[in-house]
C-alpha atoms as a PDB file:
ATOM      1  CA  UNK A   1     115.034 117.456  83.127  1.00  0.00           C
ATOM      2  CA  UNK A   2     117.037 114.405  84.147  1.00  0.00           C
ATOM      3  CA  UNK A   3     119.979 116.534  85.282  1.00  0.00           C
ATOM      4  CA  UNK A   4     117.671 118.666  87.436  1.00  0.00           C
ATOM      5  CA  UNK A   5     116.185 115.540  88.976  1.00  0.00           C
ATOM      6  CA  UNK A   6     119.670 114.299  89.904  1.00  0.00           C
ATOM      7  CA  UNK A   7     120.525 117.721  91.308  1.00  0.00           C
ATOM      8  CA  UNK A   8     117.380 117.690  93.452  1.00  0.00           C
ATOM      9  CA  UNK A   9     118.150 114.190  94.757  1.00  0.00           C
ATOM     10  CA  UNK A  10     121.667 115.247  95.708  1.00  0.00           C
ATOM     11  CA  UNK A  11     120.367 118.362  97.461  1.00  0.00           C
ATOM     12  CA  UNK A  12     117.708 116.359  99.269  1.00  0.00           C
ATOM     13  CA  UNK A  13     120.304 113.886 100.548  1.00  0.00           C
ATOM     14  CA  UNK A  14     122.561 116.680 101.777  1.00  0.00           C
ATOM     15  CA  UNK A  15     119.690 118.428 103.585  1.00  0.00           C
ATOM     16  CA  UNK A  16     118.455 115.253 105.293  1.00  0.00           C
ATOM     17  CA  UNK A  17     122.037 114.359 106.192  1.00  0.00           C
ATOM     18  CA  UNK A  18     122.546 117.781 107.744  1.00  0.00           C
ATOM     19  CA  UNK A  19     119.319 117.435 109.747  1.00  0.00           C
ATOM     20  CA  UNK A  20     120.437 114.042 111.061  1.00  0.00           C
ATOM     21  CA  UNK A  21     123.826 115.477 112.017  1.00  0.00           C
ATOM     22  CA  UNK A  22     122.060 118.208 113.993  1.00  0.00           C
ATOM     23  CA  UNK A  23     119.928 115.552 115.710  1.00  0.00           C
ATOM     24  CA  UNK A  24     123.108 113.669 116.627  1.00  0.00           C
ATOM     25  CA  UNK A  25     124.576 116.846 118.096  1.00  0.00           C
ATOM     26  CA  UNK A  26     121.409 117.382 120.134  1.00  0.00           C
ATOM     27  CA  UNK A  27     121.651 113.808 121.437  1.00  0.00           C
ATOM     28  CA  UNK A  28     125.306 114.360 122.344  1.00  0.00           C
ATOM     29  CA  UNK A  29     124.367 117.438 124.363  1.00  0.00           C
ATOM     30  CA  UNK A  30     121.388 115.701 126.020  1.00  0.00           C
ATOM     31  CA  UNK A  31     123.119 112.472 127.149  1.00  0.00           C
ATOM     32  CA  UNK A  32     125.004 113.910 130.168  1.00  0.00           C
ATOM     33  CA  UNK A  33     121.819 115.453 131.568  1.00  0.00           C
ATOM     34  CA  UNK A  34     119.504 112.529 130.785  1.00  0.00           C
ATOM     35  CA  UNK A  35     119.435 111.370 134.411  1.00  0.00           C
ATOM     36  CA  UNK A  36     119.187 107.615 133.990  1.00  0.00           C
ATOM     37  CA  UNK A  37     121.704 105.095 132.745  1.00  0.00           C
ATOM     38  CA  UNK A  38     119.195 103.290 130.526  1.00  0.00           C
ATOM     39  CA  UNK A  39     117.800 106.497 129.073  1.00  0.00           C
ATOM     40  CA  UNK A  40     121.309 107.832 128.437  1.00  0.00           C
ATOM     41  CA  UNK A  41     122.315 104.614 126.671  1.00  0.00           C
ATOM     42  CA  UNK A  42     119.245 104.677 124.440  1.00  0.00           C
ATOM     43  CA  UNK A  43     119.773 108.337 123.540  1.00  0.00           C
ATOM     44  CA  UNK A  44     123.471 107.691 122.888  1.00  0.00           C
ATOM     45  CA  UNK A  45     122.628 104.803 120.547  1.00  0.00           C
ATOM     46  CA  UNK A  46     120.054 106.895 118.703  1.00  0.00           C
ATOM     47  CA  UNK A  47     122.558 109.747 118.476  1.00  0.00           C
ATOM     48  CA  UNK A  48     125.198 107.456 117.024  1.00  0.00           C
ATOM     49  CA  UNK A  49     122.691 106.094 114.504  1.00  0.00           C
ATOM     50  CA  UNK A  50     121.727 109.650 113.501  1.00  0.00           C
ATOM     51  CA  UNK A  51     125.381 110.609 113.176  1.00  0.00           C
ATOM     52  CA  UNK A  52     126.319 107.598 111.045  1.00  0.00           C
ATOM     53  CA  UNK A  53     123.321 107.825 108.735  1.00  0.00           C
ATOM     54  CA  UNK A  54     123.533 111.621 108.495  1.00  0.00           C
ATOM     55  CA  UNK A  55     127.202 111.523 107.600  1.00  0.00           C
ATOM     56  CA  UNK A  56     126.587 108.814 105.000  1.00  0.00           C
ATOM     57  CA  UNK A  57     123.674 110.692 103.419  1.00  0.00           C
ATOM     58  CA  UNK A  58     125.530 114.006 103.373  1.00  0.00           C
ATOM     59  CA  UNK A  59     128.645 112.439 101.837  1.00  0.00           C
ATOM     60  CA  UNK A  60     126.581 110.596  99.216  1.00  0.00           C
ATOM     61  CA  UNK A  61     124.683 113.758  98.318  1.00  0.00           C
ATOM     62  CA  UNK A  62     127.916 115.719  98.040  1.00  0.00           C
ATOM     63  CA  UNK A  63     129.439 113.006  95.839  1.00  0.00           C
ATOM     64  CA  UNK A  64     126.372 112.981  93.562  1.00  0.00           C
ATOM     65  CA  UNK A  65     126.489 116.766  93.289  1.00  0.00           C
ATOM     66  CA  UNK A  66     130.177 116.774  92.336  1.00  0.00           C
ATOM     67  CA  UNK A  67     129.739 113.958  89.810  1.00  0.00           C
ATOM     68  CA  UNK A  68     126.785 115.739  88.195  1.00  0.00           C
ATOM     69  CA  UNK A  69     128.749 119.003  87.933  1.00  0.00           C
ATOM     70  CA  UNK A  70     131.652 117.158  86.306  1.00  0.00           C
ATOM     71  CA  UNK A  71     129.290 115.477  83.836  1.00  0.00           C
ATOM     72  CA  UNK A  72     127.720 118.819  82.987  1.00  0.00           C
ATOM     73  CA  UNK A  73     131.135 120.445  82.470  1.00  0.00           C
ATOM     74  CA  UNK A  74     132.316 117.552  80.324  1.00  0.00           C
ATOM     75  CA  UNK A  75     129.144 117.745  78.233  1.00  0.00           C
ATOM     76  CA  UNK A  76     129.509 121.520  77.844  1.00  0.00           C
ATOM     77  CA  UNK A  77     133.129 121.209  76.709  1.00  0.00           C
ATOM     78  CA  UNK A  78     132.324 118.400  74.284  1.00  0.00           C
ATOM     79  CA  UNK A  79     129.575 120.412  72.589  1.00  0.00           C
END
């Protein structure tokens, strides 16, 4: 049960990270056509925030997934 919970947390982090990366891409596409300097700056800042947090969440989820797979393999080989 605990291993499944860790697997679900890792998957959740990767999915949210991917969604934030898509939001950052949408902001990157929208900035040139935003029309105003202030609006473009705000959207660019939000896009950068989405990119940074999405990349961090995705990388953390991927790391947790790899670590859990290694623990499972080590436990299977030890038994």
